[in-house]
Amino acid sequence: ISRDNAKNTVYLQMNSLKPEDTAV
């Protein structure tokens, strides 16, 4: 998780995704 306050944005970088990560 990271944030760029200048852009009012938070990011979630997700790697090595698994089927159990399926969700909203």
mmCIF file of all heavy atoms, coordinates in Angstrom:
data_MODEL
# 
_entry.id   MODEL 
# 
loop_
_atom_site.group_PDB 
_atom_site.id 
_atom_site.type_symbol 
_atom_site.label_atom_id 
_atom_site.label_alt_id 
_atom_site.label_comp_id 
_atom_site.label_asym_id 
_atom_site.label_entity_id 
_atom_site.label_seq_id 
_atom_site.pdbx_PDB_ins_code 
_atom_site.Cartn_x 
_atom_site.Cartn_y 
_atom_site.Cartn_z 
_atom_site.occupancy 
_atom_site.B_iso_or_equiv 
_atom_site.pdbx_formal_charge 
_atom_site.auth_seq_id 
_atom_site.auth_comp_id 
_atom_site.auth_asym_id 
_atom_site.auth_atom_id 
_atom_site.pdbx_PDB_model_num 
ATOM 1   N N   . ILE A 1 1  ? 0.859   -1.184  0.000   1.00 0.00 ? 1  ILE A N   1 
ATOM 2   C CA  . ILE A 1 1  ? 0.000   0.000   0.000   1.00 0.00 ? 1  ILE A CA  1 
ATOM 3   C C   . ILE A 1 1  ? 0.896   1.234   0.000   1.00 0.00 ? 1  ILE A C   1 
ATOM 4   O O   . ILE A 1 1  ? 1.928   1.267   0.677   1.00 0.00 ? 1  ILE A O   1 
ATOM 5   C CB  . ILE A 1 1  ? -0.972  -0.014  1.201   1.00 0.00 ? 1  ILE A CB  1 
ATOM 6   C CG1 . ILE A 1 1  ? -2.010  1.089   1.065   1.00 0.00 ? 1  ILE A CG1 1 
ATOM 7   C CG2 . ILE A 1 1  ? -0.228  0.059   2.531   1.00 0.00 ? 1  ILE A CG2 1 
ATOM 8   C CD1 . ILE A 1 1  ? -3.134  1.006   2.113   1.00 0.00 ? 1  ILE A CD1 1 
ATOM 9   N N   . SER A 1 2  ? 0.502   2.233   -0.760  1.00 0.00 ? 2  SER A N   1 
ATOM 10  C CA  . SER A 1 2  ? 1.271   3.471   -0.816  1.00 0.00 ? 2  SER A CA  1 
ATOM 11  C C   . SER A 1 2  ? 0.316   4.620   -1.086  1.00 0.00 ? 2  SER A C   1 
ATOM 12  O O   . SER A 1 2  ? -0.850  4.397   -1.439  1.00 0.00 ? 2  SER A O   1 
ATOM 13  C CB  . SER A 1 2  ? 2.353   3.398   -1.906  1.00 0.00 ? 2  SER A CB  1 
ATOM 14  O OG  . SER A 1 2  ? 1.773   3.217   -3.179  1.00 0.00 ? 2  SER A OG  1 
ATOM 15  N N   . ARG A 1 3  ? 0.817   5.836   -0.935  1.00 0.00 ? 3  ARG A N   1 
ATOM 16  C CA  . ARG A 1 3  ? -0.055  6.989   -1.165  1.00 0.00 ? 3  ARG A CA  1 
ATOM 17  C C   . ARG A 1 3  ? 0.721   8.117   -1.827  1.00 0.00 ? 3  ARG A C   1 
ATOM 18  O O   . ARG A 1 3  ? 1.930   8.267   -1.602  1.00 0.00 ? 3  ARG A O   1 
ATOM 19  C CB  . ARG A 1 3  ? -0.710  7.462   0.133   1.00 0.00 ? 3  ARG A CB  1 
ATOM 20  C CG  . ARG A 1 3  ? 0.224   8.038   1.172   1.00 0.00 ? 3  ARG A CG  1 
ATOM 21  C CD  . ARG A 1 3  ? -0.507  8.234   2.509   1.00 0.00 ? 3  ARG A CD  1 
ATOM 22  N NE  . ARG A 1 3  ? -1.625  9.158   2.401   1.00 0.00 ? 3  ARG A NE  1 
ATOM 23  C CZ  . ARG A 1 3  ? -2.661  9.183   3.246   1.00 0.00 ? 3  ARG A CZ  1 
ATOM 24  N NH1 . ARG A 1 3  ? -2.710  8.332   4.254   1.00 0.00 ? 3  ARG A NH1 1 
ATOM 25  N NH2 . ARG A 1 3  ? -3.628  10.063  3.076   1.00 0.00 ? 3  ARG A NH2 1 
ATOM 26  N N   . ASP A 1 4  ? -0.008  8.889   -2.613  1.00 0.00 ? 4  ASP A N   1 
ATOM 27  C CA  . ASP A 1 4  ? 0.521   10.095  -3.229  1.00 0.00 ? 4  ASP A CA  1 
ATOM 28  C C   . ASP A 1 4  ? -0.433  11.214  -2.835  1.00 0.00 ? 4  ASP A C   1 
ATOM 29  O O   . ASP A 1 4  ? -1.494  11.390  -3.454  1.00 0.00 ? 4  ASP A O   1 
ATOM 30  C CB  . ASP A 1 4  ? 0.599   9.933   -4.745  1.00 0.00 ? 4  ASP A CB  1 
ATOM 31  C CG  . ASP A 1 4  ? 1.234   11.123  -5.437  1.00 0.00 ? 4  ASP A CG  1 
ATOM 32  O OD1 . ASP A 1 4  ? 1.280   12.213  -4.838  1.00 0.00 ? 4  ASP A OD1 1 
ATOM 33  O OD2 . ASP A 1 4  ? 1.678   10.970  -6.589  1.00 0.00 ? 4  ASP A OD2 1 
ATOM 34  N N   . ASN A 1 5  ? -0.076  11.951  -1.796  1.00 0.00 ? 5  ASN A N   1 
ATOM 35  C CA  . ASN A 1 5  ? -0.983  12.981  -1.281  1.00 0.00 ? 5  ASN A CA  1 
ATOM 36  C C   . ASN A 1 5  ? -1.213  14.110  -2.285  1.00 0.00 ? 5  ASN A C   1 
ATOM 37  O O   . ASN A 1 5  ? -2.269  14.736  -2.290  1.00 0.00 ? 5  ASN A O   1 
ATOM 38  C CB  . ASN A 1 5  ? -0.452  13.539  0.031   1.00 0.00 ? 5  ASN A CB  1 
ATOM 39  C CG  . ASN A 1 5  ? -0.586  12.538  1.172   1.00 0.00 ? 5  ASN A CG  1 
ATOM 40  O OD1 . ASN A 1 5  ? -1.414  11.635  1.124   1.00 0.00 ? 5  ASN A OD1 1 
ATOM 41  N ND2 . ASN A 1 5  ? 0.255   12.692  2.182   1.00 0.00 ? 5  ASN A ND2 1 
ATOM 42  N N   . ALA A 1 6  ? -0.246  14.345  -3.142  1.00 0.00 ? 6  ALA A N   1 
ATOM 43  C CA  . ALA A 1 6  ? -0.419  15.392  -4.150  1.00 0.00 ? 6  ALA A CA  1 
ATOM 44  C C   . ALA A 1 6  ? -1.512  15.034  -5.148  1.00 0.00 ? 6  ALA A C   1 
ATOM 45  O O   . ALA A 1 6  ? -2.138  15.910  -5.744  1.00 0.00 ? 6  ALA A O   1 
ATOM 46  C CB  . ALA A 1 6  ? 0.898   15.626  -4.885  1.00 0.00 ? 6  ALA A CB  1 
ATOM 47  N N   . LYS A 1 7  ? -1.736  13.727  -5.301  1.00 0.00 ? 7  LYS A N   1 
ATOM 48  C CA  . LYS A 1 7  ? -2.768  13.260  -6.239  1.00 0.00 ? 7  LYS A CA  1 
ATOM 49  C C   . LYS A 1 7  ? -4.013  12.769  -5.516  1.00 0.00 ? 7  LYS A C   1 
ATOM 50  O O   . LYS A 1 7  ? -4.924  12.231  -6.156  1.00 0.00 ? 7  LYS A O   1 
ATOM 51  C CB  . LYS A 1 7  ? -2.205  12.134  -7.114  1.00 0.00 ? 7  LYS A CB  1 
ATOM 52  C CG  . LYS A 1 7  ? -1.084  12.570  -8.028  1.00 0.00 ? 7  LYS A CG  1 
ATOM 53  C CD  . LYS A 1 7  ? -0.623  11.424  -8.906  1.00 0.00 ? 7  LYS A CD  1 
ATOM 54  C CE  . LYS A 1 7  ? 0.474   11.874  -9.853  1.00 0.00 ? 7  LYS A CE  1 
ATOM 55  N NZ  . LYS A 1 7  ? 0.946   10.758  -10.728 1.00 0.00 ? 7  LYS A NZ  1 
ATOM 56  N N   . ASN A 1 8  ? -4.034  12.920  -4.162  1.00 0.00 ? 8  ASN A N   1 
ATOM 57  C CA  . ASN A 1 8  ? -5.183  12.422  -3.379  1.00 0.00 ? 8  ASN A CA  1 
ATOM 58  C C   . ASN A 1 8  ? -5.473  10.954  -3.689  1.00 0.00 ? 8  ASN A C   1 
ATOM 59  O O   . ASN A 1 8  ? -6.637  10.538  -3.777  1.00 0.00 ? 8  ASN A O   1 
ATOM 60  C CB  . ASN A 1 8  ? -6.432  13.256  -3.664  1.00 0.00 ? 8  ASN A CB  1 
ATOM 61  C CG  . ASN A 1 8  ? -6.480  14.537  -2.856  1.00 0.00 ? 8  ASN A CG  1 
ATOM 62  O OD1 . ASN A 1 8  ? -5.490  14.917  -2.227  1.00 0.00 ? 8  ASN A OD1 1 
ATOM 63  N ND2 . ASN A 1 8  ? -7.602  15.216  -2.876  1.00 0.00 ? 8  ASN A ND2 1 
ATOM 64  N N   . THR A 1 9  ? -4.436  10.166  -3.821  1.00 0.00 ? 9  THR A N   1 
ATOM 65  C CA  . THR A 1 9  ? -4.602  8.782   -4.263  1.00 0.00 ? 9  THR A CA  1 
ATOM 66  C C   . THR A 1 9  ? -3.808  7.816   -3.392  1.00 0.00 ? 9  THR A C   1 
ATOM 67  O O   . THR A 1 9  ? -2.662  8.111   -3.018  1.00 0.00 ? 9  THR A O   1 
ATOM 68  C CB  . THR A 1 9  ? -4.173  8.633   -5.734  1.00 0.00 ? 9  THR A CB  1 
ATOM 69  O OG1 . THR A 1 9  ? -4.994  9.472   -6.545  1.00 0.00 ? 9  THR A OG1 1 
ATOM 70  C CG2 . THR A 1 9  ? -4.345  7.192   -6.206  1.00 0.00 ? 9  THR A CG2 1 
ATOM 71  N N   . VAL A 1 10 ? -4.438  6.704   -3.082  1.00 0.00 ? 10 VAL A N   1 
ATOM 72  C CA  . VAL A 1 10 ? -3.782  5.590   -2.408  1.00 0.00 ? 10 VAL A CA  1 
ATOM 73  C C   . VAL A 1 10 ? -3.787  4.408   -3.369  1.00 0.00 ? 10 VAL A C   1 
ATOM 74  O O   . VAL A 1 10 ? -4.782  4.167   -4.062  1.00 0.00 ? 10 VAL A O   1 
ATOM 75  C CB  . VAL A 1 10 ? -4.504  5.222   -1.097  1.00 0.00 ? 10 VAL A CB  1 
ATOM 76  C CG1 . VAL A 1 10 ? -4.006  3.899   -0.548  1.00 0.00 ? 10 VAL A CG1 1 
ATOM 77  C CG2 . VAL A 1 10 ? -4.307  6.314   -0.058  1.00 0.00 ? 10 VAL A CG2 1 
ATOM 78  N N   . TYR A 1 11 ? -2.675  3.687   -3.392  1.00 0.00 ? 11 TYR A N   1 
ATOM 79  C CA  . TYR A 1 11 ? -2.521  2.560   -4.290  1.00 0.00 ? 11 TYR A CA  1 
ATOM 80  C C   . TYR A 1 11 ? -2.405  1.258   -3.496  1.00 0.00 ? 11 TYR A C   1 
ATOM 81  O O   . TYR A 1 11 ? -1.948  1.245   -2.349  1.00 0.00 ? 11 TYR A O   1 
ATOM 82  C CB  . TYR A 1 11 ? -1.258  2.728   -5.146  1.00 0.00 ? 11 TYR A CB  1 
ATOM 83  C CG  . TYR A 1 11 ? -1.227  4.010   -5.922  1.00 0.00 ? 11 TYR A CG  1 
ATOM 84  C CD1 . TYR A 1 11 ? -0.548  5.126   -5.434  1.00 0.00 ? 11 TYR A CD1 1 
ATOM 85  C CD2 . TYR A 1 11 ? -1.880  4.114   -7.147  1.00 0.00 ? 11 TYR A CD2 1 
ATOM 86  C CE1 . TYR A 1 11 ? -0.514  6.309   -6.153  1.00 0.00 ? 11 TYR A CE1 1 
ATOM 87  C CE2 . TYR A 1 11 ? -1.850  5.297   -7.867  1.00 0.00 ? 11 TYR A CE2 1 
ATOM 88  C CZ  . TYR A 1 11 ? -1.176  6.390   -7.362  1.00 0.00 ? 11 TYR A CZ  1 
ATOM 89  O OH  . TYR A 1 11 ? -1.153  7.568   -8.068  1.00 0.00 ? 11 TYR A OH  1 
ATOM 90  N N   . LEU A 1 12 ? -2.819  0.174   -4.125  1.00 0.00 ? 12 LEU A N   1 
ATOM 91  C CA  . LEU A 1 12 ? -2.580  -1.154  -3.582  1.00 0.00 ? 12 LEU A CA  1 
ATOM 92  C C   . LEU A 1 12 ? -1.978  -2.000  -4.701  1.00 0.00 ? 12 LEU A C   1 
ATOM 93  O O   . LEU A 1 12 ? -2.672  -2.401  -5.631  1.00 0.00 ? 12 LEU A O   1 
ATOM 94  C CB  . LEU A 1 12 ? -3.874  -1.792  -3.073  1.00 0.00 ? 12 LEU A CB  1 
ATOM 95  C CG  . LEU A 1 12 ? -3.697  -3.143  -2.362  1.00 0.00 ? 12 LEU A CG  1 
ATOM 96  C CD1 . LEU A 1 12 ? -2.944  -2.939  -1.036  1.00 0.00 ? 12 LEU A CD1 1 
ATOM 97  C CD2 . LEU A 1 12 ? -5.049  -3.816  -2.106  1.00 0.00 ? 12 LEU A CD2 1 
ATOM 98  N N   . GLN A 1 13 ? -0.677  -2.210  -4.593  1.00 0.00 ? 13 GLN A N   1 
ATOM 99  C CA  . GLN A 1 13 ? 0.027   -3.060  -5.551  1.00 0.00 ? 13 GLN A CA  1 
ATOM 100 C C   . GLN A 1 13 ? -0.105  -4.501  -5.071  1.00 0.00 ? 13 GLN A C   1 
ATOM 101 O O   . GLN A 1 13 ? 0.300   -4.813  -3.948  1.00 0.00 ? 13 GLN A O   1 
ATOM 102 C CB  . GLN A 1 13 ? 1.501   -2.656  -5.637  1.00 0.00 ? 13 GLN A CB  1 
ATOM 103 C CG  . GLN A 1 13 ? 2.382   -3.631  -6.422  1.00 0.00 ? 13 GLN A CG  1 
ATOM 104 C CD  . GLN A 1 13 ? 2.110   -3.597  -7.916  1.00 0.00 ? 13 GLN A CD  1 
ATOM 105 O OE1 . GLN A 1 13 ? 1.938   -2.526  -8.483  1.00 0.00 ? 13 GLN A OE1 1 
ATOM 106 N NE2 . GLN A 1 13 ? 2.069   -4.753  -8.546  1.00 0.00 ? 13 GLN A NE2 1 
ATOM 107 N N   . MET A 1 14 ? -0.659  -5.345  -5.913  1.00 0.00 ? 14 MET A N   1 
ATOM 108 C CA  . MET A 1 14 ? -0.905  -6.738  -5.539  1.00 0.00 ? 14 MET A CA  1 
ATOM 109 C C   . MET A 1 14 ? -0.119  -7.652  -6.461  1.00 0.00 ? 14 MET A C   1 
ATOM 110 O O   . MET A 1 14 ? -0.319  -7.622  -7.687  1.00 0.00 ? 14 MET A O   1 
ATOM 111 C CB  . MET A 1 14 ? -2.397  -7.062  -5.621  1.00 0.00 ? 14 MET A CB  1 
ATOM 112 C CG  . MET A 1 14 ? -3.261  -6.132  -4.781  1.00 0.00 ? 14 MET A CG  1 
ATOM 113 S SD  . MET A 1 14 ? -4.995  -6.625  -4.739  1.00 0.00 ? 14 MET A SD  1 
ATOM 114 C CE  . MET A 1 14 ? -5.446  -6.389  -6.465  1.00 0.00 ? 14 MET A CE  1 
ATOM 115 N N   . ASN A 1 15 ? 0.774   -8.432  -5.880  1.00 0.00 ? 15 ASN A N   1 
ATOM 116 C CA  . ASN A 1 15 ? 1.590   -9.369  -6.634  1.00 0.00 ? 15 ASN A CA  1 
ATOM 117 C C   . ASN A 1 15 ? 1.277   -10.798 -6.203  1.00 0.00 ? 15 ASN A C   1 
ATOM 118 O O   . ASN A 1 15 ? 0.660   -11.022 -5.162  1.00 0.00 ? 15 ASN A O   1 
ATOM 119 C CB  . ASN A 1 15 ? 3.078   -9.084  -6.402  1.00 0.00 ? 15 ASN A CB  1 
ATOM 120 C CG  . ASN A 1 15 ? 3.490   -7.700  -6.857  1.00 0.00 ? 15 ASN A CG  1 
ATOM 121 O OD1 . ASN A 1 15 ? 3.016   -7.193  -7.877  1.00 0.00 ? 15 ASN A OD1 1 
ATOM 122 N ND2 . ASN A 1 15 ? 4.389   -7.068  -6.121  1.00 0.00 ? 15 ASN A ND2 1 
ATOM 123 N N   . SER A 1 16 ? 1.724   -11.746 -7.009  1.00 0.00 ? 16 SER A N   1 
ATOM 124 C CA  . SER A 1 16 ? 1.536   -13.174 -6.691  1.00 0.00 ? 16 SER A CA  1 
ATOM 125 C C   . SER A 1 16 ? 0.093   -13.469 -6.317  1.00 0.00 ? 16 SER A C   1 
ATOM 126 O O   . SER A 1 16 ? -0.184  -14.128 -5.312  1.00 0.00 ? 16 SER A O   1 
ATOM 127 C CB  . SER A 1 16 ? 2.485   -13.583 -5.548  1.00 0.00 ? 16 SER A CB  1 
ATOM 128 O OG  . SER A 1 16 ? 3.818   -13.320 -5.875  1.00 0.00 ? 16 SER A OG  1 
ATOM 129 N N   . LEU A 1 17 ? -0.806  -12.983 -7.121  1.00 0.00 ? 17 LEU A N   1 
ATOM 130 C CA  . LEU A 1 17 ? -2.233  -13.118 -6.801  1.00 0.00 ? 17 LEU A CA  1 
ATOM 131 C C   . LEU A 1 17 ? -2.673  -14.569 -6.837  1.00 0.00 ? 17 LEU A C   1 
ATOM 132 O O   . LEU A 1 17 ? -2.187  -15.369 -7.651  1.00 0.00 ? 17 LEU A O   1 
ATOM 133 C CB  . LEU A 1 17 ? -3.064  -12.264 -7.752  1.00 0.00 ? 17 LEU A CB  1 
ATOM 134 C CG  . LEU A 1 17 ? -3.042  -10.767 -7.427  1.00 0.00 ? 17 LEU A CG  1 
ATOM 135 C CD1 . LEU A 1 17 ? -3.503  -9.941  -8.617  1.00 0.00 ? 17 LEU A CD1 1 
ATOM 136 C CD2 . LEU A 1 17 ? -3.899  -10.480 -6.206  1.00 0.00 ? 17 LEU A CD2 1 
ATOM 137 N N   . LYS A 1 18 ? -3.598  -14.885 -5.942  1.00 0.00 ? 18 LYS A N   1 
ATOM 138 C CA  . LYS A 1 18 ? -4.137  -16.234 -5.797  1.00 0.00 ? 18 LYS A CA  1 
ATOM 139 C C   . LYS A 1 18 ? -5.644  -16.205 -6.046  1.00 0.00 ? 18 LYS A C   1 
ATOM 140 O O   . LYS A 1 18 ? -6.281  -15.155 -5.879  1.00 0.00 ? 18 LYS A O   1 
ATOM 141 C CB  . LYS A 1 18 ? -3.879  -16.741 -4.377  1.00 0.00 ? 18 LYS A CB  1 
ATOM 142 C CG  . LYS A 1 18 ? -2.430  -16.685 -3.926  1.00 0.00 ? 18 LYS A CG  1 
ATOM 143 C CD  . LYS A 1 18 ? -2.315  -17.052 -2.459  1.00 0.00 ? 18 LYS A CD  1 
ATOM 144 C CE  . LYS A 1 18 ? -0.871  -16.948 -1.975  1.00 0.00 ? 18 LYS A CE  1 
ATOM 145 N NZ  . LYS A 1 18 ? -0.746  -17.284 -0.532  1.00 0.00 ? 18 LYS A NZ  1 
ATOM 146 N N   . PRO A 1 19 ? -6.224  -17.333 -6.408  1.00 0.00 ? 19 PRO A N   1 
ATOM 147 C CA  . PRO A 1 19 ? -7.690  -17.353 -6.590  1.00 0.00 ? 19 PRO A CA  1 
ATOM 148 C C   . PRO A 1 19 ? -8.446  -16.867 -5.356  1.00 0.00 ? 19 PRO A C   1 
ATOM 149 O O   . PRO A 1 19 ? -9.501  -16.233 -5.492  1.00 0.00 ? 19 PRO A O   1 
ATOM 150 C CB  . PRO A 1 19 ? -7.973  -18.834 -6.873  1.00 0.00 ? 19 PRO A CB  1 
ATOM 151 C CG  . PRO A 1 19 ? -6.723  -19.328 -7.514  1.00 0.00 ? 19 PRO A CG  1 
ATOM 152 C CD  . PRO A 1 19 ? -5.607  -18.597 -6.819  1.00 0.00 ? 19 PRO A CD  1 
ATOM 153 N N   . GLU A 1 20 ? -7.902  -17.122 -4.179  1.00 0.00 ? 20 GLU A N   1 
ATOM 154 C CA  . GLU A 1 20 ? -8.582  -16.678 -2.959  1.00 0.00 ? 20 GLU A CA  1 
ATOM 155 C C   . GLU A 1 20 ? -8.507  -15.167 -2.741  1.00 0.00 ? 20 GLU A C   1 
ATOM 156 O O   . GLU A 1 20 ? -9.117  -14.640 -1.809  1.00 0.00 ? 20 GLU A O   1 
ATOM 157 C CB  . GLU A 1 20 ? -8.027  -17.408 -1.719  1.00 0.00 ? 20 GLU A CB  1 
ATOM 158 C CG  . GLU A 1 20 ? -6.519  -17.372 -1.597  1.00 0.00 ? 20 GLU A CG  1 
ATOM 159 C CD  . GLU A 1 20 ? -5.863  -18.625 -2.147  1.00 0.00 ? 20 GLU A CD  1 
ATOM 160 O OE1 . GLU A 1 20 ? -6.275  -19.095 -3.244  1.00 0.00 ? 20 GLU A OE1 1 
ATOM 161 O OE2 . GLU A 1 20 ? -4.931  -19.135 -1.489  1.00 0.00 ? 20 GLU A OE2 1 
ATOM 162 N N   . ASP A 1 21 ? -7.777  -14.453 -3.586  1.00 0.00 ? 21 ASP A N   1 
ATOM 163 C CA  . ASP A 1 21 ? -7.779  -12.992 -3.539  1.00 0.00 ? 21 ASP A CA  1 
ATOM 164 C C   . ASP A 1 21 ? -8.972  -12.404 -4.310  1.00 0.00 ? 21 ASP A C   1 
ATOM 165 O O   . ASP A 1 21 ? -9.187  -11.188 -4.284  1.00 0.00 ? 21 ASP A O   1 
ATOM 166 C CB  . ASP A 1 21 ? -6.487  -12.421 -4.134  1.00 0.00 ? 21 ASP A CB  1 
ATOM 167 C CG  . ASP A 1 21 ? -5.263  -12.776 -3.306  1.00 0.00 ? 21 ASP A CG  1 
ATOM 168 O OD1 . ASP A 1 21 ? -5.342  -12.686 -2.067  1.00 0.00 ? 21 ASP A OD1 1 
ATOM 169 O OD2 . ASP A 1 21 ? -4.228  -13.142 -3.915  1.00 0.00 ? 21 ASP A OD2 1 
ATOM 170 N N   . THR A 1 22 ? -9.718  -13.257 -4.982  1.00 0.00 ? 22 THR A N   1 
ATOM 171 C CA  . THR A 1 22 ? -10.885 -12.790 -5.725  1.00 0.00 ? 22 THR A CA  1 
ATOM 172 C C   . THR A 1 22 ? -11.897 -12.161 -4.779  1.00 0.00 ? 22 THR A C   1 
ATOM 173 O O   . THR A 1 22 ? -12.318 -12.774 -3.795  1.00 0.00 ? 22 THR A O   1 
ATOM 174 C CB  . THR A 1 22 ? -11.540 -13.965 -6.478  1.00 0.00 ? 22 THR A CB  1 
ATOM 175 O OG1 . THR A 1 22 ? -10.626 -14.447 -7.470  1.00 0.00 ? 22 THR A OG1 1 
ATOM 176 C CG2 . THR A 1 22 ? -12.832 -13.534 -7.149  1.00 0.00 ? 22 THR A CG2 1 
ATOM 177 N N   . ALA A 1 23 ? -12.279 -10.925 -5.072  1.00 0.00 ? 23 ALA A N   1 
ATOM 178 C CA  . ALA A 1 23 ? -13.186 -10.178 -4.199  1.00 0.00 ? 23 ALA A CA  1 
ATOM 179 C C   . ALA A 1 23 ? -13.452 -8.810  -4.826  1.00 0.00 ? 23 ALA A C   1 
ATOM 180 O O   . ALA A 1 23 ? -12.783 -8.413  -5.788  1.00 0.00 ? 23 ALA A O   1 
ATOM 181 C CB  . ALA A 1 23 ? -12.577 -9.982  -2.811  1.00 0.00 ? 23 ALA A CB  1 
ATOM 182 N N   . VAL A 1 24 ? -14.403 -8.117  -4.245  1.00 0.00 ? 24 VAL A N   1 
ATOM 183 C CA  . VAL A 1 24 ? -14.553 -6.696  -4.531  1.00 0.00 ? 24 VAL A CA  1 
ATOM 184 C C   . VAL A 1 24 ? -13.688 -5.944  -3.518  1.00 0.00 ? 24 VAL A C   1 
ATOM 185 O O   . VAL A 1 24 ? -13.786 -6.198  -2.310  1.00 0.00 ? 24 VAL A O   1 
ATOM 186 C CB  . VAL A 1 24 ? -16.019 -6.239  -4.424  1.00 0.00 ? 24 VAL A CB  1 
ATOM 187 C CG1 . VAL A 1 24 ? -16.122 -4.737  -4.706  1.00 0.00 ? 24 VAL A CG1 1 
ATOM 188 C CG2 . VAL A 1 24 ? -16.887 -7.013  -5.406  1.00 0.00 ? 24 VAL A CG2 1 
# 
